[in-house]
C-alpha cells in the first residue's frame, strides 16, 4: 500500500513506563523501543513507501534530567542500534539516508564518531530519509536558526526584508525537506517541544499505549485515515 504521507514525525514515548510495567530496568525499555523502531521503519519505508521519517530520539532535557546510570545504558543502546544501521539491509537496499539533527556536540564523545560514520555512509541515498533528532528541542532549533539568520544579515548574505516564513525554514535542521504531514505519538497527548515550526499544520495521531506496544496495524490506521483528513493550512 502506497501512503500519501510524505513526511511522518514520530514521538516514541513510554519506554521506561513499559519497562516498569513489566518489572524491567529503564534501559531495558529503551532496548525494546529500539527494536520496535527497527520494525516501524521497515513498515514505513518498505510496506508504505513513506519518503521521510523523523524520530524524536533524545531531547535536550533528557541529557540533564536522566540519571547518569540511565544515560550510560542509553548510550549503549544507541551504539548497538547505529552499529546495526551501518550494515542494515533496509538502509542499503532501500537507500535510506540517515541524518542526525540537533546539538550533536552535546552528545557523549564516544557516540559522535559512530553517528558521523552512519551519516557519511548513507549521504548519497535519495529514496528515503530517516532523521534522528538527538539531542533536540524545538525551541533550541528556532534559536539556533535565528542566530544563523542574524549572522547572515550582519555578513551581508541576507537582507532583513528577505526574512519570512518562506525563507526561515532554510535555516532549520530540516532545511530542504517537506514539513511533516503527520505526527504519531505514543503514551502522551502533547508535542513536548518537538519540531515547533515544522508541525504548525501537521495532522496529529495520539496512541494510548507505550511505544514498545505499538503495532503495524496502528501505523496502518494512520496511513488509511490520513487521506480522509481535510487539511486547511490555516484557510
Foldseek 3Di string as FASTA:
>chain_A
DAFPWQEEEEEQFDLQVVQVVVVHHSLVSVLLLLVLVVVVVCCVCPVHNHAEYEYAAAEPVNVVPDDPVSLVSNLVSLVVSLVCLLVPCCCPVRLEAEAEDEDLVPDPPVNNVSSVVSNVSRVPGRSHYYYHHPHHFLVVQLVQLVVVVVVCCVVVNDPPVPDDLVCSLCSGRQHPGQQGQEYEYECDDDCRRPNVSRCPQHHYDYYDDHSSPDDSVVVVVCRVCSVVDDGDPVD
